[in-house]
């Protein structure tokens, strides 16, 4: 086990217990059983101030540490993460309900990838400035400087991965961080802080606070000691965070929700299209912000795609105890999320009148692994229309909506513009994907889709080298890639004059 059953605020290089009443604690719960895992003590206002102060005190030294030295520490941290992959993955599975088969191969590894990527980036001069000769005796140079103390606010679906997506570029650039995990999945945070310390990160560079949005998140965002806020979560909360940060002229990175289109073109391979749609909807029990939940299928392929999807649901989805190596589909993260997703499914059936193509809840091969826990079997609606609520709103659960479009017997310029319009008909623009046997045609279509993260003939992979960020209401700024670390820097420009320059004798000449 990599977590304590009593978890406290972490700053200045150690947990900070503080006597508190039962009302100032909350409980982490195993989603597969609904049984408690740990008691977490909500960070008090005094502890929040102390965490920010700890980061401020550490910043001058850390920001002046040579990039290669910072990189060495982060690489040691990545090595520790990989060495403890299995234990950390079990913690993630207990906390999120995701199958161990997923957390042990994806969550820890991809977080360590980003840590290594930014360590190598800064060590190889990725944040070096530029020098421009202005004239013979003068030049202009620029440098990328760290911001100071940054706030990272994580989401509950990929706790450790998101913590590393935020902390890796932040720390590599010479900043310090105060990190608040989601109160729903908090068990990873102190374990990560201890790994950073063991790797050689100075005390105070990475700190952890605990609590919900009103009690801790909002005060953290508003704190005068915070220079930038990186937030991952739903659109409604993100807009409030961005507005509060703007009051203090703080930098922001907002990675928010989506209602992303997966466009299957008429020339697509049916098997490949079905495989991609499965990953785009049911990986992590559908709790992925980039999920392609609006699946556009041409009328000529509709029946075959539907048949292939049902077959894959029946033969490929293995709902079971998350720690079982055979399981690939766990519960949703909480009772609140179970109620939300179940409500959408009922609305789809009873109000939207969407046709149910597949219902894992009545499939003979799909039974809940336990009487308790937050189990929501997968559902596929078909023959959906663009105005249905299940099509318009982000559900964040295992619910796929198939939207047919008519292409057979029509010229491309008759059906493609309408398909693009429908795919873009959402206030969000996080992700999009196209499946086609003609990659050139797929490129043409992908360029017309309003989304910041796109895939052709695949779905979901977001390597460290790939910038990710949404358009429209899906966010501001980017994470990962060369672009992601620039958000943790500010540019200083300096004009250097050699000898007497333009200012010499100016007033004497006036």
Protein backbone atom coordinates (compact mmCIF):
# COMPACT_ATOMS: atom_id res chain seq x y z
CA UNK A 1 0.00 0.00 0.00
CA UNK A 2 1.39 3.44 -0.97
CA UNK A 3 -0.96 5.58 1.07
CA UNK A 4 -1.75 6.16 4.71
CA UNK A 5 -5.24 5.68 6.09
CA UNK A 6 -4.87 9.14 7.69
CA UNK A 7 -3.81 11.76 5.13
CA UNK A 8 -2.77 15.32 5.93
CA UNK A 9 -1.64 18.43 4.10
CA UNK A 10 1.94 18.09 2.82
CA UNK A 11 4.31 21.05 2.75
CA UNK A 12 7.83 21.98 3.78
CA UNK A 13 8.85 18.42 2.98
CA UNK A 14 6.52 16.51 5.32
CA UNK A 15 2.86 15.88 6.22
CA UNK A 16 1.42 18.55 8.49
CA UNK A 17 -1.07 17.07 10.99
CA UNK A 18 -3.35 19.57 12.62
CA UNK A 19 -6.10 18.79 15.09
CA UNK A 20 -9.45 19.05 13.40
CA UNK A 21 -13.06 18.19 14.02
CA UNK A 22 -14.77 15.31 12.22
CA UNK A 23 -16.56 17.86 10.05
CA UNK A 24 -13.23 18.94 8.53
CA UNK A 25 -12.37 15.48 7.24
CA UNK A 26 -13.65 13.48 4.30
CA UNK A 27 -13.35 9.87 3.23
CA UNK A 28 -11.85 8.20 0.19
CA UNK A 29 -14.06 5.31 -0.92
CA UNK A 30 -13.37 2.22 -3.02
CA UNK A 31 -15.83 2.59 -5.93
CA UNK A 32 -16.03 -1.16 -6.47
CA UNK A 33 -17.29 -1.89 -2.95
CA UNK A 34 -18.36 1.50 -1.53
CA UNK A 35 -16.11 0.76 1.46
CA UNK A 36 -13.92 3.49 2.99
CA UNK A 37 -10.20 3.51 2.27
CA UNK A 38 -8.78 6.50 4.13
CA UNK A 39 -9.65 9.62 6.09
CA UNK A 40 -8.37 12.85 4.59
CA UNK A 41 -8.01 15.98 6.69
CA UNK A 42 -9.17 19.12 4.90
CA UNK A 43 -6.45 21.73 4.61
CA UNK A 44 -7.15 24.65 6.95
CA UNK A 45 -6.70 28.27 5.86
CA UNK A 46 -3.54 28.47 7.98
CA UNK A 47 -2.16 25.33 6.35
CA UNK A 48 -2.95 26.70 2.89
CA UNK A 49 -1.04 29.88 3.69
CA UNK A 50 1.84 27.79 5.03
CA UNK A 51 1.93 25.64 1.88
CA UNK A 52 2.12 28.70 -0.36
CA UNK A 53 4.74 30.26 1.91
CA UNK A 54 6.76 27.05 1.80
CA UNK A 55 6.73 27.19 -2.01
CA UNK A 56 7.63 30.89 -2.02
CA UNK A 57 10.58 30.22 0.25
CA UNK A 58 11.82 27.42 -1.99
CA UNK A 59 11.39 29.31 -5.25
CA UNK A 60 14.52 31.55 -5.29
CA UNK A 61 16.91 28.62 -4.93
CA UNK A 62 14.98 26.20 -7.16
CA UNK A 63 14.54 28.75 -9.95
CA UNK A 64 18.32 29.36 -9.97
CA UNK A 65 19.15 25.65 -10.00
CA UNK A 66 20.72 24.84 -13.39
CA UNK A 67 18.31 23.12 -15.79
CA UNK A 68 20.52 20.05 -16.01
CA UNK A 69 20.44 19.68 -12.22
CA UNK A 70 16.66 20.06 -12.12
CA UNK A 71 16.44 17.48 -14.90
CA UNK A 72 18.54 14.99 -12.91
CA UNK A 73 16.11 15.17 -9.99
CA UNK A 74 13.07 14.73 -12.21
CA UNK A 75 14.67 11.77 -13.98
CA UNK A 76 15.31 10.11 -10.62
CA UNK A 77 11.67 10.71 -9.71
CA UNK A 78 10.57 9.11 -12.98
CA UNK A 79 12.76 6.11 -12.24
CA UNK A 80 11.18 5.75 -8.79
CA UNK A 81 7.72 5.95 -10.31
CA UNK A 82 8.52 3.16 -12.74
CA UNK A 83 10.09 1.02 -10.02
CA UNK A 84 6.93 1.38 -7.91
CA UNK A 85 4.53 1.10 -10.81
CA UNK A 86 2.58 -1.87 -9.45
CA UNK A 87 2.03 -0.45 -5.96
CA UNK A 88 1.04 2.95 -7.31
CA UNK A 89 -1.27 1.32 -9.86
CA UNK A 90 -3.03 -0.62 -7.09
CA UNK A 91 -3.58 2.65 -5.23
CA UNK A 92 -5.04 4.23 -8.36
CA UNK A 93 -7.34 1.23 -8.85
CA UNK A 94 -8.55 1.33 -5.25
CA UNK A 95 -9.17 5.07 -5.48
CA UNK A 96 -10.73 5.32 -8.97
CA UNK A 97 -12.24 1.87 -9.54
CA UNK A 98 -10.38 1.56 -12.84
CA UNK A 99 -9.19 -1.90 -13.77
CA UNK A 100 -5.67 -2.76 -12.62
CA UNK A 101 -5.02 -3.93 -16.18
CA UNK A 102 -5.36 -0.27 -17.16
CA UNK A 103 -3.70 1.56 -14.27
CA UNK A 104 -0.69 -0.77 -14.29
CA UNK A 105 0.03 -0.15 -17.97
CA UNK A 106 -1.20 3.41 -18.57
CA UNK A 107 -1.62 5.70 -15.59
CA UNK A 108 1.78 5.55 -13.89
CA UNK A 109 3.80 4.95 -17.05
CA UNK A 110 2.36 7.88 -19.02
CA UNK A 111 2.90 10.22 -16.07
CA UNK A 112 6.54 9.13 -15.82
CA UNK A 113 6.87 9.64 -19.58
CA UNK A 114 5.96 13.31 -19.22
CA UNK A 115 8.39 13.76 -16.32
CA UNK A 116 11.21 12.31 -18.43
CA UNK A 117 10.19 14.32 -21.48
CA UNK A 118 10.38 17.68 -19.72
CA UNK A 119 13.57 16.74 -17.88
CA UNK A 120 15.28 16.07 -21.21
CA UNK A 121 13.65 19.16 -22.74
CA UNK A 122 15.15 21.61 -20.25
CA UNK A 123 18.49 19.76 -20.02
CA UNK A 124 18.94 20.08 -23.79
CA UNK A 125 18.28 23.82 -23.89
CA UNK A 126 14.57 23.73 -24.62
CA UNK A 127 14.04 26.88 -22.56
CA UNK A 128 17.07 28.78 -23.86
CA UNK A 129 16.40 32.32 -24.99
CA UNK A 130 17.43 33.99 -28.22
CA UNK A 131 19.90 36.71 -29.18
CA UNK A 132 19.31 39.10 -32.08
CA UNK A 133 21.91 41.59 -33.33
CA UNK A 134 20.21 44.96 -33.43
CA UNK A 135 23.17 46.88 -34.84
CA UNK A 136 26.94 46.66 -34.60
CA UNK A 137 27.14 47.78 -30.99
CA UNK A 138 23.79 46.55 -29.63
CA UNK A 139 21.82 43.33 -29.36
CA UNK A 140 18.52 42.13 -27.97
CA UNK A 141 18.34 38.94 -25.95
CA UNK A 142 15.33 37.13 -24.53
CA UNK A 143 15.11 34.66 -21.69
CA UNK A 144 12.30 32.42 -20.50
CA UNK A 145 11.90 32.91 -16.76
CA UNK A 146 9.84 30.86 -14.29
CA UNK A 147 6.63 32.38 -12.96
CA UNK A 148 6.89 31.62 -9.25
CA UNK A 149 4.40 29.49 -7.31
CA UNK A 150 1.80 27.71 -9.44
CA UNK A 151 -1.41 26.00 -8.38
CA UNK A 152 -2.27 22.64 -9.90
CA UNK A 153 -5.84 21.41 -9.47
CA UNK A 154 -6.34 17.82 -10.55
CA UNK A 155 -9.27 15.74 -11.75
CA UNK A 156 -10.54 12.43 -10.43
CA UNK A 157 -10.34 10.26 -13.56
CA UNK A 158 -6.54 10.14 -14.02
CA UNK A 159 -5.25 11.34 -10.63
CA UNK A 160 -1.54 10.51 -10.75
CA UNK A 161 -1.16 11.09 -14.48
CA UNK A 162 -2.75 14.54 -14.29
CA UNK A 163 -0.66 15.44 -11.23
CA UNK A 164 2.44 14.68 -13.29
CA UNK A 165 1.13 16.44 -16.40
CA UNK A 166 0.93 19.58 -14.26
CA UNK A 167 3.96 19.23 -11.99
CA UNK A 168 6.48 18.01 -14.59
CA UNK A 169 6.57 21.15 -16.78
CA UNK A 170 6.04 23.39 -13.76
CA UNK A 171 9.04 22.05 -11.85
CA UNK A 172 11.23 21.56 -14.92
CA UNK A 173 10.82 25.26 -15.76
CA UNK A 174 11.98 26.26 -12.27
CA UNK A 175 8.64 26.95 -10.62
CA UNK A 176 7.21 25.57 -7.39
CA UNK A 177 3.74 24.03 -7.06
CA UNK A 178 0.90 23.77 -4.60
CA UNK A 179 -1.16 20.84 -5.84
CA UNK A 180 -4.76 20.05 -4.91
CA UNK A 181 -5.99 16.62 -5.96
CA UNK A 182 -9.67 15.97 -6.47
CA UNK A 183 -11.33 15.20 -3.17
CA UNK A 184 -12.86 12.14 -4.87
CA UNK A 185 -9.48 10.50 -5.64
CA UNK A 186 -6.81 11.95 -3.33
CA UNK A 187 -4.69 8.91 -2.41
CA UNK A 188 -1.84 9.47 -4.88
CA UNK A 189 -0.81 12.97 -3.88
CA UNK A 190 1.33 12.48 -0.76
CA UNK A 191 2.91 9.39 -2.32
CA UNK A 192 4.00 11.55 -5.27
CA UNK A 193 5.30 14.28 -2.93
CA UNK A 194 7.41 11.71 -1.08
CA UNK A 195 8.80 10.33 -4.35
CA UNK A 196 9.84 13.84 -5.40
CA UNK A 197 11.60 14.32 -2.07
CA UNK A 198 13.35 10.97 -2.29
CA UNK A 199 14.57 11.92 -5.77
CA UNK A 200 16.18 15.05 -4.35
CA UNK A 201 13.57 17.75 -4.87
CA UNK A 202 14.10 20.42 -2.21
CA UNK A 203 11.45 20.72 0.49
CA UNK A 204 8.74 23.22 -0.42
CA UNK A 205 9.05 22.88 -4.19
CA UNK A 206 6.05 20.52 -4.37
CA UNK A 207 3.27 20.78 -1.78
CA UNK A 208 -0.16 19.17 -1.41
CA UNK A 209 -3.42 20.55 -0.04
CA UNK A 210 -6.69 18.67 0.37
CA UNK A 211 -10.35 19.59 0.19
CA UNK A 212 -13.21 20.47 -2.11
CA UNK A 213 -13.61 23.50 -4.33
CA UNK A 214 -15.31 25.92 -1.93
CA UNK A 215 -13.15 25.06 1.09
CA UNK A 216 -9.72 24.81 -0.53
CA UNK A 217 -9.82 25.15 -4.32
CA UNK A 218 -11.27 28.67 -4.44
CA UNK A 219 -8.95 30.07 -1.72
CA UNK A 220 -5.97 28.49 -3.49
CA UNK A 221 -6.88 30.10 -6.82
CA UNK A 222 -7.47 33.47 -5.15
CA UNK A 223 -4.31 33.37 -3.03
CA UNK A 224 -2.03 36.35 -3.67
CA UNK A 225 1.01 34.09 -3.65
CA UNK A 226 -0.14 32.10 -6.70
CA UNK A 227 1.15 33.20 -10.11
CA UNK A 228 -0.60 30.64 -12.33
CA UNK A 229 -3.43 28.12 -12.11
CA UNK A 230 -3.60 24.86 -14.06
CA UNK A 231 -7.03 23.25 -13.75
CA UNK A 232 -8.54 20.07 -15.14
CA UNK A 233 -12.27 19.50 -14.71
CA UNK A 234 -15.71 20.31 -16.00
CA UNK A 235 -16.55 23.43 -18.01
CA UNK A 236 -18.77 25.08 -15.39
CA UNK A 237 -16.11 24.87 -12.68
CA UNK A 238 -13.32 25.82 -15.04
CA UNK A 239 -15.06 29.04 -16.05
CA UNK A 240 -15.28 30.06 -12.39
CA UNK A 241 -11.62 29.22 -11.80
CA UNK A 242 -10.55 31.20 -14.87
CA UNK A 243 -12.64 34.21 -13.83
CA UNK A 244 -11.14 34.25 -10.34
CA UNK A 245 -7.61 33.86 -11.68
CA UNK A 246 -8.19 36.73 -14.11
CA UNK A 247 -8.95 39.02 -11.18
CA UNK A 248 -5.36 38.61 -10.09
CA UNK A 249 -3.95 38.66 -13.65
CA UNK A 250 -2.71 35.10 -13.13
CA UNK A 251 -1.76 32.75 -15.90
CA UNK A 252 -4.15 29.89 -16.58
CA UNK A 253 -4.27 26.54 -18.28
CA UNK A 254 -7.79 25.10 -18.45
CA UNK A 255 -8.32 21.53 -19.65
CA UNK A 256 -12.08 21.11 -19.57
CA UNK A 257 -14.84 18.87 -20.89
CA UNK A 258 -15.90 17.74 -24.31
CA UNK A 259 -18.63 16.21 -26.44
CA UNK A 260 -16.36 14.99 -29.16
CA UNK A 261 -17.28 13.65 -32.60
CA UNK A 262 -15.90 10.41 -34.02
CA UNK A 263 -16.54 10.56 -37.76
CA UNK A 264 -16.61 7.23 -39.60
CA UNK A 265 -16.34 7.91 -43.34
CA UNK A 266 -18.03 5.72 -45.96
CA UNK A 267 -14.76 4.07 -47.02
CA UNK A 268 -13.78 3.04 -43.47
CA UNK A 269 -13.01 -0.54 -42.54
CA UNK A 270 -15.92 -1.68 -40.36
CA UNK A 271 -13.82 -3.69 -37.93
CA UNK A 272 -11.33 -0.89 -37.43
CA UNK A 273 -14.12 1.66 -37.01
CA UNK A 274 -15.82 -0.49 -34.35
CA UNK A 275 -12.56 -1.03 -32.46
CA UNK A 276 -11.86 2.72 -32.41
CA UNK A 277 -15.42 3.52 -31.30
CA UNK A 278 -15.10 1.04 -28.43
CA UNK A 279 -11.90 2.68 -27.18
CA UNK A 280 -13.34 6.15 -27.73
CA UNK A 281 -16.32 5.38 -25.50
CA UNK A 282 -15.65 2.60 -23.01
CA UNK A 283 -12.00 2.90 -21.97
CA UNK A 284 -11.85 3.87 -18.27
CA UNK A 285 -15.58 3.06 -18.08
CA UNK A 286 -16.21 6.07 -20.31
CA UNK A 287 -14.75 8.54 -17.82
CA UNK A 288 -12.39 10.31 -20.22
CA UNK A 289 -12.85 13.97 -21.18
CA UNK A 290 -11.72 13.38 -24.77
CA UNK A 291 -14.14 10.52 -25.42
CA UNK A 292 -15.71 10.39 -28.89
CA UNK A 293 -19.26 9.92 -27.66
CA UNK A 294 -20.97 11.22 -30.83
CA UNK A 295 -20.23 8.52 -33.38
CA UNK A 296 -21.25 9.55 -36.91
CA UNK A 297 -21.86 6.52 -39.12
CA UNK A 298 -22.82 6.56 -42.84
CA UNK A 299 -26.09 4.85 -43.70
CA UNK A 300 -24.25 2.40 -45.94
CA UNK A 301 -22.25 1.03 -42.97
CA UNK A 302 -24.76 1.51 -40.15
CA UNK A 303 -25.99 -2.06 -39.84
CA UNK A 304 -22.50 -3.57 -40.06
CA UNK A 305 -21.03 -1.10 -37.54
CA UNK A 306 -23.89 -1.73 -35.12
CA UNK A 307 -23.41 -5.49 -35.40
CA UNK A 308 -19.66 -5.17 -34.85
CA UNK A 309 -20.14 -2.98 -31.79
CA UNK A 310 -22.63 -5.33 -30.14
CA UNK A 311 -20.31 -8.26 -30.77
CA UNK A 312 -17.38 -6.41 -29.21
CA UNK A 313 -19.42 -5.39 -26.18
CA UNK A 314 -20.53 -8.97 -25.58
CA UNK A 315 -17.15 -10.57 -26.20
CA UNK A 316 -14.69 -7.86 -25.22
CA UNK A 317 -16.02 -6.01 -22.17
CA UNK A 318 -15.19 -7.86 -18.97
CA UNK A 319 -16.82 -6.16 -15.99
CA UNK A 320 -15.46 -7.49 -12.73
CA UNK A 321 -13.43 -6.80 -9.58
CA UNK A 322 -10.93 -4.13 -10.63
CA UNK A 323 -7.98 -5.98 -9.12
CA UNK A 324 -8.72 -9.07 -11.21
CA UNK A 325 -6.26 -9.20 -14.09
CA UNK A 326 -9.05 -10.33 -16.45
CA UNK A 327 -11.21 -7.27 -15.73
CA UNK A 328 -11.11 -4.38 -18.21
CA UNK A 329 -14.25 -2.49 -17.14
CA UNK A 330 -14.74 -1.24 -13.60
CA UNK A 331 -17.31 0.89 -11.78
CA UNK A 332 -17.69 4.64 -12.16
CA UNK A 333 -15.85 6.68 -9.57
CA UNK A 334 -18.57 7.60 -7.06
CA UNK A 335 -22.20 7.35 -6.05
CA UNK A 336 -22.73 10.87 -7.40
CA UNK A 337 -21.31 9.89 -10.77
CA UNK A 338 -23.34 6.68 -10.86
CA UNK A 339 -26.54 8.64 -10.24
CA UNK A 340 -25.61 11.22 -12.89
CA UNK A 341 -24.83 8.67 -15.61
CA UNK A 342 -27.87 6.54 -14.75
CA UNK A 343 -30.06 9.62 -14.98
CA UNK A 344 -28.76 10.36 -18.49
CA UNK A 345 -29.42 6.78 -19.55
CA UNK A 346 -33.01 7.00 -18.28
CA UNK A 347 -33.45 10.32 -20.07
CA UNK A 348 -32.12 8.82 -23.28
CA UNK A 349 -34.63 5.99 -23.06
CA UNK A 350 -37.70 7.78 -21.74
CA UNK A 351 -37.45 11.36 -22.97
CA UNK A 352 -35.10 11.37 -25.96
CA UNK A 353 -36.65 8.07 -27.10
CA UNK A 354 -33.29 6.96 -28.43
CA UNK A 355 -33.15 3.38 -29.65
CA UNK A 356 -31.14 1.12 -27.33
CA UNK A 357 -28.76 -0.94 -29.44
CA UNK A 358 -26.94 -2.51 -26.52
CA UNK A 359 -27.64 -2.52 -22.78
CA UNK A 360 -24.98 -4.17 -20.67
CA UNK A 361 -27.34 -4.13 -17.73
CA UNK A 362 -29.59 -6.76 -19.29
CA UNK A 363 -26.98 -8.67 -21.24
CA UNK A 364 -26.73 -12.18 -19.86
CA UNK A 365 -22.95 -12.01 -19.74
CA UNK A 366 -22.80 -8.75 -17.82
CA UNK A 367 -23.59 -8.86 -14.10
CA UNK A 368 -22.54 -6.53 -11.32
CA UNK A 369 -19.53 -8.00 -9.51
CA UNK A 370 -20.85 -6.91 -6.10
CA UNK A 371 -24.11 -5.79 -4.58
CA UNK A 372 -22.49 -2.52 -3.54
CA UNK A 373 -20.18 -0.31 -5.53
CA UNK A 374 -20.93 2.14 -8.28
CA UNK A 375 -21.54 -0.08 -11.28
CA UNK A 376 -22.92 1.28 -14.56
CA UNK A 377 -22.89 -1.22 -17.44
CA UNK A 378 -22.22 0.12 -20.95
CA UNK A 379 -25.08 1.40 -23.10
CA UNK A 380 -25.19 2.18 -26.84
CA UNK A 381 -27.96 4.36 -28.24
CA UNK A 382 -28.45 4.39 -32.01
CA UNK A 383 -30.50 6.35 -34.55
CA UNK A 384 -29.82 9.39 -32.39
CA UNK A 385 -30.54 12.94 -33.49
CA UNK A 386 -28.47 16.04 -32.85
CA UNK A 387 -30.98 17.65 -30.48
CA UNK A 388 -31.18 14.79 -27.96
CA UNK A 389 -29.91 15.60 -24.49
CA UNK A 390 -27.68 12.51 -24.42
CA UNK A 391 -26.10 13.81 -27.62
CA UNK A 392 -25.74 17.44 -26.52
CA UNK A 393 -24.40 17.13 -22.95
CA UNK A 394 -21.25 15.54 -21.55
CA UNK A 395 -22.23 12.38 -19.66
CA UNK A 396 -18.77 11.18 -18.60
CA UNK A 397 -19.75 7.56 -18.42
CA UNK A 398 -20.09 4.44 -20.61
CA UNK A 399 -22.74 5.80 -22.98
CA UNK A 400 -22.24 5.84 -26.77
CA UNK A 401 -24.53 7.69 -29.19
CA UNK A 402 -24.60 6.66 -32.86
CA UNK A 403 -25.72 9.38 -35.27
CA UNK A 404 -26.41 8.15 -38.83
CA UNK A 405 -25.81 10.35 -41.85
CA UNK A 406 -26.89 9.82 -45.46
CA UNK A 407 -24.03 9.51 -47.92
CA UNK A 408 -25.01 6.59 -50.14
CA UNK A 409 -26.08 7.70 -53.61
CA UNK A 410 -24.99 11.29 -53.01
CA UNK A 411 -21.94 13.21 -54.21
CA UNK A 412 -19.31 14.06 -51.61
CA UNK A 413 -19.94 17.79 -51.85
CA UNK A 414 -23.60 17.11 -51.03
CA UNK A 415 -23.08 15.19 -47.78
CA UNK A 416 -19.66 16.24 -46.42
CA UNK A 417 -20.44 19.91 -45.58
CA UNK A 418 -23.54 18.87 -43.65
CA UNK A 419 -21.58 16.18 -41.80
CA UNK A 420 -18.89 18.70 -40.81
CA UNK A 421 -21.56 21.15 -39.64
CA UNK A 422 -23.17 18.48 -37.46
CA UNK A 423 -19.86 17.32 -36.02
CA UNK A 424 -18.98 20.92 -35.08
CA UNK A 425 -22.43 21.65 -33.64
CA UNK A 426 -21.34 21.76 -30.00
CA UNK A 427 -20.11 24.57 -27.74
CA UNK A 428 -17.15 22.37 -26.82
CA UNK A 429 -14.12 21.53 -28.93
CA UNK A 430 -11.82 19.23 -27.04
CA UNK A 431 -11.23 16.29 -29.39
CA UNK A 432 -12.29 14.75 -32.68
CA UNK A 433 -11.39 11.76 -34.80
CA UNK A 434 -11.84 10.43 -38.30
CA UNK A 435 -11.78 6.83 -39.54
CA UNK A 436 -11.08 6.30 -43.23
CA UNK A 437 -9.13 4.07 -45.61
CA UNK A 438 -7.99 7.22 -47.40
CA UNK A 439 -5.65 9.10 -45.05
CA UNK A 440 -5.54 12.09 -47.40
CA UNK A 441 -9.30 12.40 -47.28
CA UNK A 442 -9.22 11.95 -43.50
CA UNK A 443 -6.70 14.81 -43.25
CA UNK A 444 -9.03 17.01 -45.29
CA UNK A 445 -11.91 16.27 -42.93
CA UNK A 446 -9.89 16.59 -39.71
CA UNK A 447 -8.76 20.07 -40.73
CA UNK A 448 -12.39 21.19 -40.77
CA UNK A 449 -13.29 19.87 -37.32
CA UNK A 450 -13.29 22.38 -34.45
CA UNK A 451 -11.17 20.57 -31.91
CA UNK A 452 -7.74 20.96 -30.39
CA UNK A 453 -6.88 17.24 -30.09
CA UNK A 454 -7.50 15.08 -33.13
CA UNK A 455 -6.81 11.54 -34.29
CA UNK A 456 -6.94 9.71 -37.61
CA UNK A 457 -7.60 5.96 -37.54
CA UNK A 458 -6.95 5.76 -33.79
CA UNK A 459 -8.23 7.29 -30.56
CA UNK A 460 -7.05 8.37 -27.16
CA UNK A 461 -3.26 8.16 -27.22
CA UNK A 462 -1.71 11.37 -25.88
CA UNK A 463 2.07 10.95 -25.74
CA UNK A 464 4.25 13.46 -23.93
CA UNK A 465 5.31 14.93 -27.27
CA UNK A 466 1.70 15.74 -28.26
CA UNK A 467 0.26 19.09 -27.10
CA UNK A 468 -3.27 18.68 -25.75
CA UNK A 469 -5.78 21.44 -25.24
CA UNK A 470 -9.34 22.29 -26.14
CA UNK A 471 -10.98 24.90 -28.31
CA UNK A 472 -14.16 26.86 -27.57
CA UNK A 473 -15.53 26.04 -24.09
CA UNK A 474 -13.19 23.06 -23.74
CA UNK A 475 -10.32 25.08 -22.42
CA UNK A 476 -7.50 27.58 -22.72
CA UNK A 477 -3.84 26.74 -23.17
CA UNK A 478 -1.98 23.49 -23.73
CA UNK A 479 -0.44 20.68 -21.75
CA UNK A 480 2.45 18.48 -22.93
CA UNK A 481 4.69 19.01 -25.94
CA UNK A 482 7.07 21.94 -26.30
CA UNK A 483 4.08 24.25 -26.04
CA UNK A 484 3.01 22.92 -22.63
CA UNK A 485 6.07 24.10 -20.73
CA UNK A 486 5.96 27.60 -22.23
CA UNK A 487 2.83 28.21 -20.14
CA UNK A 488 5.04 27.96 -17.05
CA UNK A 489 7.43 30.68 -18.21
CA UNK A 490 7.39 34.40 -18.91
CA UNK A 491 9.59 36.22 -21.40
CA UNK A 492 12.14 38.81 -20.35
CA UNK A 493 13.73 40.89 -23.11
CA UNK A 494 16.94 42.85 -22.64
CA UNK A 495 18.60 45.34 -25.00
CA UNK A 496 22.37 45.40 -24.47
CA UNK A 497 24.31 48.47 -25.61
CA UNK A 498 28.08 48.23 -25.97
CA UNK A 499 29.86 51.53 -25.32
CA UNK A 500 28.09 54.82 -25.79
CA UNK A 501 24.69 54.31 -27.24
CA UNK A 502 21.55 56.08 -28.31
CA UNK A 503 21.08 57.77 -24.93
CA UNK A 504 24.43 59.55 -25.04
CA UNK A 505 23.92 63.29 -25.08
CA UNK A 506 20.24 63.07 -25.98
CA UNK A 507 19.19 65.97 -23.79
CA UNK A 508 22.11 68.10 -24.90
CA UNK A 509 20.92 67.79 -28.46
CA UNK A 510 17.31 68.74 -27.68
